[in-house]
mmCIF file of all heavy atoms, coordinates in Angstrom:
data_MODEL
# 
_entry.id   MODEL 
# 
loop_
_atom_site.group_PDB 
_atom_site.id 
_atom_site.type_symbol 
_atom_site.label_atom_id 
_atom_site.label_alt_id 
_atom_site.label_comp_id 
_atom_site.label_asym_id 
_atom_site.label_entity_id 
_atom_site.label_seq_id 
_atom_site.pdbx_PDB_ins_code 
_atom_site.Cartn_x 
_atom_site.Cartn_y 
_atom_site.Cartn_z 
_atom_site.occupancy 
_atom_site.B_iso_or_equiv 
_atom_site.pdbx_formal_charge 
_atom_site.auth_seq_id 
_atom_site.auth_comp_id 
_atom_site.auth_asym_id 
_atom_site.auth_atom_id 
_atom_site.pdbx_PDB_model_num 
ATOM 1   N N   . VAL A 1 1  ? 185.664 66.050 3.569  1.00 0.00 ? 1  VAL A N   1 
ATOM 2   C CA  . VAL A 1 1  ? 184.881 66.594 4.686  1.00 0.00 ? 1  VAL A CA  1 
ATOM 3   C C   . VAL A 1 1  ? 184.424 65.442 5.612  1.00 0.00 ? 1  VAL A C   1 
ATOM 4   O O   . VAL A 1 1  ? 184.522 65.551 6.840  1.00 0.00 ? 1  VAL A O   1 
ATOM 5   C CB  . VAL A 1 1  ? 183.686 67.401 4.170  1.00 0.00 ? 1  VAL A CB  1 
ATOM 6   C CG1 . VAL A 1 1  ? 182.676 67.690 5.289  1.00 0.00 ? 1  VAL A CG1 1 
ATOM 7   C CG2 . VAL A 1 1  ? 184.169 68.700 3.540  1.00 0.00 ? 1  VAL A CG2 1 
ATOM 8   N N   . LEU A 1 2  ? 183.967 64.362 5.029  1.00 0.00 ? 2  LEU A N   1 
ATOM 9   C CA  . LEU A 1 2  ? 183.511 63.224 5.827  1.00 0.00 ? 2  LEU A CA  1 
ATOM 10  C C   . LEU A 1 2  ? 184.683 62.564 6.574  1.00 0.00 ? 2  LEU A C   1 
ATOM 11  O O   . LEU A 1 2  ? 184.533 62.202 7.739  1.00 0.00 ? 2  LEU A O   1 
ATOM 12  C CB  . LEU A 1 2  ? 182.796 62.216 4.951  1.00 0.00 ? 2  LEU A CB  1 
ATOM 13  C CG  . LEU A 1 2  ? 181.443 62.699 4.400  1.00 0.00 ? 2  LEU A CG  1 
ATOM 14  C CD1 . LEU A 1 2  ? 180.899 61.716 3.361  1.00 0.00 ? 2  LEU A CD1 1 
ATOM 15  C CD2 . LEU A 1 2  ? 180.447 62.970 5.496  1.00 0.00 ? 2  LEU A CD2 1 
ATOM 16  N N   . LEU A 1 3  ? 185.812 62.450 5.911  1.00 0.00 ? 3  LEU A N   1 
ATOM 17  C CA  . LEU A 1 3  ? 186.993 61.846 6.574  1.00 0.00 ? 3  LEU A CA  1 
ATOM 18  C C   . LEU A 1 3  ? 187.503 62.701 7.715  1.00 0.00 ? 3  LEU A C   1 
ATOM 19  O O   . LEU A 1 3  ? 187.818 62.204 8.788  1.00 0.00 ? 3  LEU A O   1 
ATOM 20  C CB  . LEU A 1 3  ? 188.106 61.599 5.540  1.00 0.00 ? 3  LEU A CB  1 
ATOM 21  C CG  . LEU A 1 3  ? 187.880 60.442 4.590  1.00 0.00 ? 3  LEU A CG  1 
ATOM 22  C CD1 . LEU A 1 3  ? 188.893 60.499 3.440  1.00 0.00 ? 3  LEU A CD1 1 
ATOM 23  C CD2 . LEU A 1 3  ? 187.993 59.097 5.314  1.00 0.00 ? 3  LEU A CD2 1 
ATOM 24  N N   . ARG A 1 4  ? 187.543 64.035 7.519  1.00 0.00 ? 4  ARG A N   1 
ATOM 25  C CA  . ARG A 1 4  ? 187.963 64.925 8.607  1.00 0.00 ? 4  ARG A CA  1 
ATOM 26  C C   . ARG A 1 4  ? 187.005 64.875 9.781  1.00 0.00 ? 4  ARG A C   1 
ATOM 27  O O   . ARG A 1 4  ? 187.410 64.863 10.947 1.00 0.00 ? 4  ARG A O   1 
ATOM 28  C CB  . ARG A 1 4  ? 188.110 66.363 8.115  1.00 0.00 ? 4  ARG A CB  1 
ATOM 29  C CG  . ARG A 1 4  ? 189.434 66.618 7.467  1.00 0.00 ? 4  ARG A CG  1 
ATOM 30  C CD  . ARG A 1 4  ? 189.652 68.111 7.216  1.00 0.00 ? 4  ARG A CD  1 
ATOM 31  N NE  . ARG A 1 4  ? 190.000 68.246 5.805  1.00 0.00 ? 4  ARG A NE  1 
ATOM 32  C CZ  . ARG A 1 4  ? 189.223 68.740 4.856  1.00 0.00 ? 4  ARG A CZ  1 
ATOM 33  N NH1 . ARG A 1 4  ? 188.046 69.203 5.140  1.00 0.00 ? 4  ARG A NH1 1 
ATOM 34  N NH2 . ARG A 1 4  ? 189.618 68.794 3.619  1.00 0.00 ? 4  ARG A NH2 1 
ATOM 35  N N   . THR A 1 5  ? 185.719 64.818 9.460  1.00 0.00 ? 5  THR A N   1 
ATOM 36  C CA  . THR A 1 5  ? 184.712 64.727 10.551 1.00 0.00 ? 5  THR A CA  1 
ATOM 37  C C   . THR A 1 5  ? 184.866 63.422 11.296 1.00 0.00 ? 5  THR A C   1 
ATOM 38  O O   . THR A 1 5  ? 184.778 63.379 12.512 1.00 0.00 ? 5  THR A O   1 
ATOM 39  C CB  . THR A 1 5  ? 183.297 64.859 9.944  1.00 0.00 ? 5  THR A CB  1 
ATOM 40  O OG1 . THR A 1 5  ? 183.195 66.116 9.274  1.00 0.00 ? 5  THR A OG1 1 
ATOM 41  C CG2 . THR A 1 5  ? 182.243 64.769 11.039 1.00 0.00 ? 5  THR A CG2 1 
ATOM 42  N N   . ARG A 1 6  ? 185.114 62.344 10.558 1.00 0.00 ? 6  ARG A N   1 
ATOM 43  C CA  . ARG A 1 6  ? 185.341 61.036 11.183 1.00 0.00 ? 6  ARG A CA  1 
ATOM 44  C C   . ARG A 1 6  ? 186.510 61.103 12.162 1.00 0.00 ? 6  ARG A C   1 
ATOM 45  O O   . ARG A 1 6  ? 186.419 60.631 13.300 1.00 0.00 ? 6  ARG A O   1 
ATOM 46  C CB  . ARG A 1 6  ? 185.608 59.980 10.117 1.00 0.00 ? 6  ARG A CB  1 
ATOM 47  C CG  . ARG A 1 6  ? 185.941 58.636 10.675 1.00 0.00 ? 6  ARG A CG  1 
ATOM 48  C CD  . ARG A 1 6  ? 186.454 57.663 9.570  1.00 0.00 ? 6  ARG A CD  1 
ATOM 49  N NE  . ARG A 1 6  ? 187.046 56.532 10.165 1.00 0.00 ? 6  ARG A NE  1 
ATOM 50  C CZ  . ARG A 1 6  ? 188.325 56.454 10.557 1.00 0.00 ? 6  ARG A CZ  1 
ATOM 51  N NH1 . ARG A 1 6  ? 189.134 57.474 10.357 1.00 0.00 ? 6  ARG A NH1 1 
ATOM 52  N NH2 . ARG A 1 6  ? 188.801 55.376 11.111 1.00 0.00 ? 6  ARG A NH2 1 
ATOM 53  N N   . LEU A 1 7  ? 187.620 61.692 11.751 1.00 0.00 ? 7  LEU A N   1 
ATOM 54  C CA  . LEU A 1 7  ? 188.787 61.786 12.620 1.00 0.00 ? 7  LEU A CA  1 
ATOM 55  C C   . LEU A 1 7  ? 188.501 62.638 13.855 1.00 0.00 ? 7  LEU A C   1 
ATOM 56  O O   . LEU A 1 7  ? 188.921 62.273 14.961 1.00 0.00 ? 7  LEU A O   1 
ATOM 57  C CB  . LEU A 1 7  ? 189.988 62.386 11.857 1.00 0.00 ? 7  LEU A CB  1 
ATOM 58  C CG  . LEU A 1 7  ? 190.620 61.473 10.829 1.00 0.00 ? 7  LEU A CG  1 
ATOM 59  C CD1 . LEU A 1 7  ? 191.717 62.224 10.063 1.00 0.00 ? 7  LEU A CD1 1 
ATOM 60  C CD2 . LEU A 1 7  ? 191.216 60.220 11.489 1.00 0.00 ? 7  LEU A CD2 1 
ATOM 61  N N   . ARG A 1 8  ? 187.781 63.734 13.685 1.00 0.00 ? 8  ARG A N   1 
ATOM 62  C CA  . ARG A 1 8  ? 187.428 64.566 14.843 1.00 0.00 ? 8  ARG A CA  1 
ATOM 63  C C   . ARG A 1 8  ? 186.568 63.825 15.817 1.00 0.00 ? 8  ARG A C   1 
ATOM 64  O O   . ARG A 1 8  ? 186.828 63.819 17.012 1.00 0.00 ? 8  ARG A O   1 
ATOM 65  C CB  . ARG A 1 8  ? 186.713 65.847 14.356 1.00 0.00 ? 8  ARG A CB  1 
ATOM 66  C CG  . ARG A 1 8  ? 186.312 66.779 15.523 1.00 0.00 ? 8  ARG A CG  1 
ATOM 67  C CD  . ARG A 1 8  ? 185.554 67.984 15.056 1.00 0.00 ? 8  ARG A CD  1 
ATOM 68  N NE  . ARG A 1 8  ? 184.351 67.707 14.300 1.00 0.00 ? 8  ARG A NE  1 
ATOM 69  C CZ  . ARG A 1 8  ? 183.166 67.355 14.823 1.00 0.00 ? 8  ARG A CZ  1 
ATOM 70  N NH1 . ARG A 1 8  ? 183.053 67.218 16.144 1.00 0.00 ? 8  ARG A NH1 1 
ATOM 71  N NH2 . ARG A 1 8  ? 182.136 67.156 14.075 1.00 0.00 ? 8  ARG A NH2 1 
ATOM 72  N N   . LEU A 1 9  ? 185.546 63.131 15.295 1.00 0.00 ? 9  LEU A N   1 
ATOM 73  C CA  . LEU A 1 9  ? 184.660 62.392 16.197 1.00 0.00 ? 9  LEU A CA  1 
ATOM 74  C C   . LEU A 1 9  ? 185.397 61.212 16.871 1.00 0.00 ? 9  LEU A C   1 
ATOM 75  O O   . LEU A 1 9  ? 185.142 60.957 18.056 1.00 0.00 ? 9  LEU A O   1 
ATOM 76  C CB  . LEU A 1 9  ? 183.408 61.908 15.461 1.00 0.00 ? 9  LEU A CB  1 
ATOM 77  C CG  . LEU A 1 9  ? 182.169 62.762 15.728 1.00 0.00 ? 9  LEU A CG  1 
ATOM 78  C CD1 . LEU A 1 9  ? 182.333 64.163 15.199 1.00 0.00 ? 9  LEU A CD1 1 
ATOM 79  C CD2 . LEU A 1 9  ? 180.937 62.085 15.215 1.00 0.00 ? 9  LEU A CD2 1 
ATOM 80  N N   . LEU A 1 10 ? 186.261 60.547 16.131 1.00 0.00 ? 10 LEU A N   1 
ATOM 81  C CA  . LEU A 1 10 ? 187.007 59.448 16.753 1.00 0.00 ? 10 LEU A CA  1 
ATOM 82  C C   . LEU A 1 10 ? 187.843 59.953 17.901 1.00 0.00 ? 10 LEU A C   1 
ATOM 83  O O   . LEU A 1 10 ? 187.908 59.300 18.971 1.00 0.00 ? 10 LEU A O   1 
ATOM 84  C CB  . LEU A 1 10 ? 187.899 58.763 15.711 1.00 0.00 ? 10 LEU A CB  1 
ATOM 85  C CG  . LEU A 1 10 ? 187.271 57.734 14.815 1.00 0.00 ? 10 LEU A CG  1 
ATOM 86  C CD1 . LEU A 1 10 ? 188.267 57.210 13.793 1.00 0.00 ? 10 LEU A CD1 1 
ATOM 87  C CD2 . LEU A 1 10 ? 186.689 56.564 15.615 1.00 0.00 ? 10 LEU A CD2 1 
ATOM 88  N N   . ALA A 1 11 ? 188.476 61.120 17.731 1.00 0.00 ? 11 ALA A N   1 
ATOM 89  C CA  . ALA A 1 11 ? 189.296 61.701 18.806 1.00 0.00 ? 11 ALA A CA  1 
ATOM 90  C C   . ALA A 1 11 ? 188.446 62.040 20.033 1.00 0.00 ? 11 ALA A C   1 
ATOM 91  O O   . ALA A 1 11 ? 188.945 62.050 21.164 1.00 0.00 ? 11 ALA A O   1 
ATOM 92  C CB  . ALA A 1 11 ? 190.001 62.959 18.292 1.00 0.00 ? 11 ALA A CB  1 
ATOM 93  N N   . GLU A 1 12 ? 187.150 62.278 19.815 1.00 0.00 ? 12 GLU A N   1 
ATOM 94  C CA  . GLU A 1 12 ? 186.239 62.608 20.916 1.00 0.00 ? 12 GLU A CA  1 
ATOM 95  C C   . GLU A 1 12 ? 185.454 61.388 21.412 1.00 0.00 ? 12 GLU A C   1 
ATOM 96  O O   . GLU A 1 12 ? 184.561 61.498 22.225 1.00 0.00 ? 12 GLU A O   1 
ATOM 97  C CB  . GLU A 1 12 ? 185.258 63.691 20.435 1.00 0.00 ? 12 GLU A CB  1 
ATOM 98  C CG  . GLU A 1 12 ? 185.936 64.999 20.049 1.00 0.00 ? 12 GLU A CG  1 
ATOM 99  C CD  . GLU A 1 12 ? 185.007 65.970 19.329 1.00 0.00 ? 12 GLU A CD  1 
ATOM 100 O OE1 . GLU A 1 12 ? 183.825 65.653 19.123 1.00 0.00 ? 12 GLU A OE1 1 
ATOM 101 O OE2 . GLU A 1 12 ? 185.508 67.044 18.974 1.00 0.00 ? 12 GLU A OE2 1 
ATOM 102 N N   . GLY A 1 13 ? 185.742 60.218 20.829 1.00 0.00 ? 13 GLY A N   1 
ATOM 103 C CA  . GLY A 1 13 ? 185.063 58.993 21.222 1.00 0.00 ? 13 GLY A CA  1 
ATOM 104 C C   . GLY A 1 13 ? 183.800 58.721 20.442 1.00 0.00 ? 13 GLY A C   1 
ATOM 105 O O   . GLY A 1 13 ? 182.996 57.902 20.815 1.00 0.00 ? 13 GLY A O   1 
ATOM 106 N N   . GLY A 1 14 ? 183.603 59.428 19.323 1.00 0.00 ? 14 GLY A N   1 
ATOM 107 C CA  . GLY A 1 14 ? 182.399 59.257 18.524 1.00 0.00 ? 14 GLY A CA  1 
ATOM 108 C C   . GLY A 1 14 ? 182.652 58.573 17.209 1.00 0.00 ? 14 GLY A C   1 
ATOM 109 O O   . GLY A 1 14 ? 183.735 58.058 16.958 1.00 0.00 ? 14 GLY A O   1 
ATOM 110 N N   . HIS A 1 15 ? 181.620 58.570 16.342 1.00 0.00 ? 15 HIS A N   1 
ATOM 111 C CA  . HIS A 1 15 ? 181.683 57.879 15.065 1.00 0.00 ? 15 HIS A CA  1 
ATOM 112 C C   . HIS A 1 15 ? 180.897 58.608 13.995 1.00 0.00 ? 15 HIS A C   1 
ATOM 113 O O   . HIS A 1 15 ? 179.903 59.248 14.281 1.00 0.00 ? 15 HIS A O   1 
ATOM 114 C CB  . HIS A 1 15 ? 181.087 56.463 15.166 1.00 0.00 ? 15 HIS A CB  1 
ATOM 115 C CG  . HIS A 1 15 ? 181.829 55.574 16.074 1.00 0.00 ? 15 HIS A CG  1 
ATOM 116 N ND1 . HIS A 1 15 ? 182.973 54.925 15.733 1.00 0.00 ? 15 HIS A ND1 1 
ATOM 117 C CD2 . HIS A 1 15 ? 181.582 55.204 17.371 1.00 0.00 ? 15 HIS A CD2 1 
ATOM 118 C CE1 . HIS A 1 15 ? 183.414 54.209 16.741 1.00 0.00 ? 15 HIS A CE1 1 
ATOM 119 N NE2 . HIS A 1 15 ? 182.590 54.376 17.750 1.00 0.00 ? 15 HIS A NE2 1 
ATOM 120 N N   . VAL A 1 16 ? 181.356 58.452 12.748 1.00 0.00 ? 16 VAL A N   1 
ATOM 121 C CA  . VAL A 1 16 ? 180.584 58.827 11.564 1.00 0.00 ? 16 VAL A CA  1 
ATOM 122 C C   . VAL A 1 16 ? 180.313 57.540 10.821 1.00 0.00 ? 16 VAL A C   1 
ATOM 123 O O   . VAL A 1 16 ? 181.274 56.801 10.489 1.00 0.00 ? 16 VAL A O   1 
ATOM 124 C CB  . VAL A 1 16 ? 181.361 59.816 10.648 1.00 0.00 ? 16 VAL A CB  1 
ATOM 125 C CG1 . VAL A 1 16 ? 180.553 60.072 9.383  1.00 0.00 ? 16 VAL A CG1 1 
ATOM 126 C CG2 . VAL A 1 16 ? 181.609 61.098 11.385 1.00 0.00 ? 16 VAL A CG2 1 
ATOM 127 N N   . ASP A 1 17 ? 179.057 57.247 10.567 1.00 0.00 ? 17 ASP A N   1 
ATOM 128 C CA  . ASP A 1 17 ? 178.689 56.048 9.836  1.00 0.00 ? 17 ASP A CA  1 
ATOM 129 C C   . ASP A 1 17 ? 177.971 56.419 8.552  1.00 0.00 ? 17 ASP A C   1 
ATOM 130 O O   . ASP A 1 17 ? 177.333 57.484 8.463  1.00 0.00 ? 17 ASP A O   1 
ATOM 131 C CB  . ASP A 1 17 ? 177.746 55.179 10.672 1.00 0.00 ? 17 ASP A CB  1 
ATOM 132 C CG  . ASP A 1 17 ? 178.432 54.718 11.984 1.00 0.00 ? 17 ASP A CG  1 
ATOM 133 O OD1 . ASP A 1 17 ? 179.669 54.464 11.952 1.00 0.00 ? 17 ASP A OD1 1 
ATOM 134 O OD2 . ASP A 1 17 ? 177.741 54.593 13.003 1.00 0.00 ? 17 ASP A OD2 1 
ATOM 135 N N   . LEU A 1 18 ? 178.085 55.542 7.571  1.00 0.00 ? 18 LEU A N   1 
ATOM 136 C CA  . LEU A 1 18 ? 177.431 55.760 6.270  1.00 0.00 ? 18 LEU A CA  1 
ATOM 137 C C   . LEU A 1 18 ? 176.293 54.768 6.101  1.00 0.00 ? 18 LEU A C   1 
ATOM 138 O O   . LEU A 1 18 ? 176.401 53.616 6.541  1.00 0.00 ? 18 LEU A O   1 
ATOM 139 C CB  . LEU A 1 18 ? 178.436 55.554 5.127  1.00 0.00 ? 18 LEU A CB  1 
ATOM 140 C CG  . LEU A 1 18 ? 179.724 56.386 5.207  1.00 0.00 ? 18 LEU A CG  1 
ATOM 141 C CD1 . LEU A 1 18 ? 180.678 55.988 4.104  1.00 0.00 ? 18 LEU A CD1 1 
ATOM 142 C CD2 . LEU A 1 18 ? 179.405 57.876 5.166  1.00 0.00 ? 18 LEU A CD2 1 
ATOM 143 N N   . ALA A 1 19 ? 175.221 55.185 5.455  1.00 0.00 ? 19 ALA A N   1 
ATOM 144 C CA  . ALA A 1 19 ? 174.091 54.309 5.220  1.00 0.00 ? 19 ALA A CA  1 
ATOM 145 C C   . ALA A 1 19 ? 173.585 54.526 3.799  1.00 0.00 ? 19 ALA A C   1 
ATOM 146 O O   . ALA A 1 19 ? 173.578 55.647 3.272  1.00 0.00 ? 19 ALA A O   1 
ATOM 147 C CB  . ALA A 1 19 ? 172.986 54.592 6.219  1.00 0.00 ? 19 ALA A CB  1 
ATOM 148 N N   . GLY A 1 20 ? 173.156 53.454 3.162  1.00 0.00 ? 20 GLY A N   1 
ATOM 149 C CA  . GLY A 1 20 ? 172.487 53.528 1.879  1.00 0.00 ? 20 GLY A CA  1 
ATOM 150 C C   . GLY A 1 20 ? 173.347 53.946 0.730  1.00 0.00 ? 20 GLY A C   1 
ATOM 151 O O   . GLY A 1 20 ? 172.879 54.601 -0.195 1.00 0.00 ? 20 GLY A O   1 
ATOM 152 N N   . LEU A 1 21 ? 174.634 53.586 0.731  1.00 0.00 ? 21 LEU A N   1 
ATOM 153 C CA  . LEU A 1 21 ? 175.521 53.969 -0.369 1.00 0.00 ? 21 LEU A CA  1 
ATOM 154 C C   . LEU A 1 21 ? 175.073 53.342 -1.673 1.00 0.00 ? 21 LEU A C   1 
ATOM 155 O O   . LEU A 1 21 ? 174.969 52.107 -1.783 1.00 0.00 ? 21 LEU A O   1 
ATOM 156 C CB  . LEU A 1 21 ? 176.954 53.512 -0.082 1.00 0.00 ? 21 LEU A CB  1 
ATOM 157 C CG  . LEU A 1 21 ? 177.689 54.293 0.968  1.00 0.00 ? 21 LEU A CG  1 
ATOM 158 C CD1 . LEU A 1 21 ? 179.004 53.578 1.342  1.00 0.00 ? 21 LEU A CD1 1 
ATOM 159 C CD2 . LEU A 1 21 ? 177.984 55.729 0.519  1.00 0.00 ? 21 LEU A CD2 1 
ATOM 160 N N   . ARG A 1 22 ? 174.808 54.166 -2.667 1.00 0.00 ? 22 ARG A N   1 
ATOM 161 C CA  . ARG A 1 22 ? 174.420 53.683 -4.002 1.00 0.00 ? 22 ARG A CA  1 
ATOM 162 C C   . ARG A 1 22 ? 175.692 53.380 -4.774 1.00 0.00 ? 22 ARG A C   1 
ATOM 163 O O   . ARG A 1 22 ? 176.760 53.959 -4.497 1.00 0.00 ? 22 ARG A O   1 
ATOM 164 C CB  . ARG A 1 22 ? 173.587 54.736 -4.687 1.00 0.00 ? 22 ARG A CB  1 
ATOM 165 C CG  . ARG A 1 22 ? 172.216 54.881 -4.009 1.00 0.00 ? 22 ARG A CG  1 
ATOM 166 C CD  . ARG A 1 22 ? 171.459 56.097 -4.447 1.00 0.00 ? 22 ARG A CD  1 
ATOM 167 N NE  . ARG A 1 22 ? 171.493 56.340 -5.873 1.00 0.00 ? 22 ARG A NE  1 
ATOM 168 C CZ  . ARG A 1 22 ? 170.733 57.220 -6.463 1.00 0.00 ? 22 ARG A CZ  1 
ATOM 169 N NH1 . ARG A 1 22 ? 169.867 57.930 -5.778 1.00 0.00 ? 22 ARG A NH1 1 
ATOM 170 N NH2 . ARG A 1 22 ? 170.823 57.419 -7.782 1.00 0.00 ? 22 ARG A NH2 1 
ATOM 171 N N   . PRO A 1 23 ? 175.639 52.523 -5.782 1.00 0.00 ? 23 PRO A N   1 
ATOM 172 C CA  . PRO A 1 23 ? 176.873 52.095 -6.488 1.00 0.00 ? 23 PRO A CA  1 
ATOM 173 C C   . PRO A 1 23 ? 177.798 53.207 -6.954 1.00 0.00 ? 23 PRO A C   1 
ATOM 174 O O   . PRO A 1 23 ? 179.025 53.115 -6.721 1.00 0.00 ? 23 PRO A O   1 
ATOM 175 C CB  . PRO A 1 23 ? 176.312 51.287 -7.668 1.00 0.00 ? 23 PRO A CB  1 
ATOM 176 C CG  . PRO A 1 23 ? 175.060 50.675 -7.127 1.00 0.00 ? 23 PRO A CG  1 
ATOM 177 C CD  . PRO A 1 23 ? 174.463 51.778 -6.270 1.00 0.00 ? 23 PRO A CD  1 
ATOM 178 N N   . PRO A 1 24 ? 177.336 54.306 -7.591 1.00 0.00 ? 24 PRO A N   1 
ATOM 179 C CA  . PRO A 1 24 ? 178.313 55.315 -8.020 1.00 0.00 ? 24 PRO A CA  1 
ATOM 180 C C   . PRO A 1 24 ? 179.063 55.973 -6.870 1.00 0.00 ? 24 PRO A C   1 
ATOM 181 O O   . PRO A 1 24 ? 180.242 56.262 -6.982 1.00 0.00 ? 24 PRO A O   1 
ATOM 182 C CB  . PRO A 1 24 ? 177.448 56.322 -8.762 1.00 0.00 ? 24 PRO A CB  1 
ATOM 183 C CG  . PRO A 1 24 ? 176.149 55.700 -9.041 1.00 0.00 ? 24 PRO A CG  1 
ATOM 184 C CD  . PRO A 1 24 ? 175.970 54.628 -7.993 1.00 0.00 ? 24 PRO A CD  1 
ATOM 185 N N   . VAL A 1 25 ? 178.364 56.224 -5.770 1.00 0.00 ? 25 VAL A N   1 
ATOM 186 C CA  . VAL A 1 25 ? 178.992 56.845 -4.602 1.00 0.00 ? 25 VAL A CA  1 
ATOM 187 C C   . VAL A 1 25 ? 179.832 55.812 -3.850 1.00 0.00 ? 25 VAL A C   1 
ATOM 188 O O   . VAL A 1 25 ? 180.960 56.110 -3.423 1.00 0.00 ? 25 VAL A O   1 
ATOM 189 C CB  . VAL A 1 25 ? 177.913 57.480 -3.696 1.00 0.00 ? 25 VAL A CB  1 
ATOM 190 C CG1 . VAL A 1 25 ? 178.567 58.014 -2.420 1.00 0.00 ? 25 VAL A CG1 1 
ATOM 191 C CG2 . VAL A 1 25 ? 177.184 58.579 -4.458 1.00 0.00 ? 25 VAL A CG2 1 
ATOM 192 N N   . ARG A 1 26 ? 179.327 54.607 -3.714 1.00 0.00 ? 26 ARG A N   1 
ATOM 193 C CA  . ARG A 1 26 ? 180.079 53.550 -3.056 1.00 0.00 ? 26 ARG A CA  1 
ATOM 194 C C   . ARG A 1 26 ? 181.443 53.351 -3.745 1.00 0.00 ? 26 ARG A C   1 
ATOM 195 O O   . ARG A 1 26 ? 182.456 53.118 -3.090 1.00 0.00 ? 26 ARG A O   1 
ATOM 196 C CB  . ARG A 1 26 ? 179.283 52.248 -3.055 1.00 0.00 ? 26 ARG A CB  1 
ATOM 197 C CG  . ARG A 1 26 ? 179.950 51.136 -2.314 1.00 0.00 ? 26 ARG A CG  1 
ATOM 198 C CD  . ARG A 1 26 ? 179.054 49.855 -2.335 1.00 0.00 ? 26 ARG A CD  1 
ATOM 199 N NE  . ARG A 1 26 ? 179.513 48.949 -1.336 1.00 0.00 ? 26 ARG A NE  1 
ATOM 200 C CZ  . ARG A 1 26 ? 179.196 48.985 -0.039 1.00 0.00 ? 26 ARG A CZ  1 
ATOM 201 N NH1 . ARG A 1 26 ? 178.349 49.913 0.399  1.00 0.00 ? 26 ARG A NH1 1 
ATOM 202 N NH2 . ARG A 1 26 ? 179.678 48.125 0.778  1.00 0.00 ? 26 ARG A NH2 1 
ATOM 203 N N   . ARG A 1 27 ? 181.439 53.455 -5.053 1.00 0.00 ? 27 ARG A N   1 
ATOM 204 C CA  . ARG A 1 27 ? 182.660 53.243 -5.832 1.00 0.00 ? 27 ARG A CA  1 
ATOM 205 C C   . ARG A 1 27 ? 183.766 54.212 -5.428 1.00 0.00 ? 27 ARG A C   1 
ATOM 206 O O   . ARG A 1 27 ? 184.908 53.814 -5.303 1.00 0.00 ? 27 ARG A O   1 
ATOM 207 C CB  . ARG A 1 27 ? 182.340 53.369 -7.330 1.00 0.00 ? 27 ARG A CB  1 
ATOM 208 C CG  . ARG A 1 27 ? 183.517 53.067 -8.210 1.00 0.00 ? 27 ARG A CG  1 
ATOM 209 C CD  . ARG A 1 27 ? 183.734 51.575 -8.322 1.00 0.00 ? 27 ARG A CD  1 
ATOM 210 N NE  . ARG A 1 27 ? 184.870 51.344 -9.205 1.00 0.00 ? 27 ARG A NE  1 
ATOM 211 C CZ  . ARG A 1 27 ? 185.929 50.614 -8.894 1.00 0.00 ? 27 ARG A CZ  1 
ATOM 212 N NH1 . ARG A 1 27 ? 185.957 49.985 -7.744 1.00 0.00 ? 27 ARG A NH1 1 
ATOM 213 N NH2 . ARG A 1 27 ? 186.902 50.467 -9.739 1.00 0.00 ? 27 ARG A NH2 1 
ATOM 214 N N   . ILE A 1 28 ? 183.454 55.486 -5.218 1.00 0.00 ? 28 ILE A N   1 
ATOM 215 C CA  . ILE A 1 28 ? 184.494 56.468 -4.830 1.00 0.00 ? 28 ILE A CA  1 
ATOM 216 C C   . ILE A 1 28 ? 185.064 56.092 -3.463 1.00 0.00 ? 28 ILE A C   1 
ATOM 217 O O   . ILE A 1 28 ? 186.264 56.233 -3.216 1.00 0.00 ? 28 ILE A O   1 
ATOM 218 C CB  . ILE A 1 28 ? 183.983 57.910 -4.904 1.00 0.00 ? 28 ILE A CB  1 
ATOM 219 C CG1 . ILE A 1 28 ? 185.134 58.901 -4.679 1.00 0.00 ? 28 ILE A CG1 1 
ATOM 220 C CG2 . ILE A 1 28 ? 182.946 58.214 -3.838 1.00 0.00 ? 28 ILE A CG2 1 
ATOM 221 C CD1 . ILE A 1 28 ? 186.030 59.078 -5.848 1.00 0.00 ? 28 ILE A CD1 1 
# 
């Protein structure tokens, strides 16, 4: 879901950014 949203926003000139990734989530 996040990757698809990133692609959509990039196509529109936007961005999806991540903040505060904890180790278990960062690992994926």
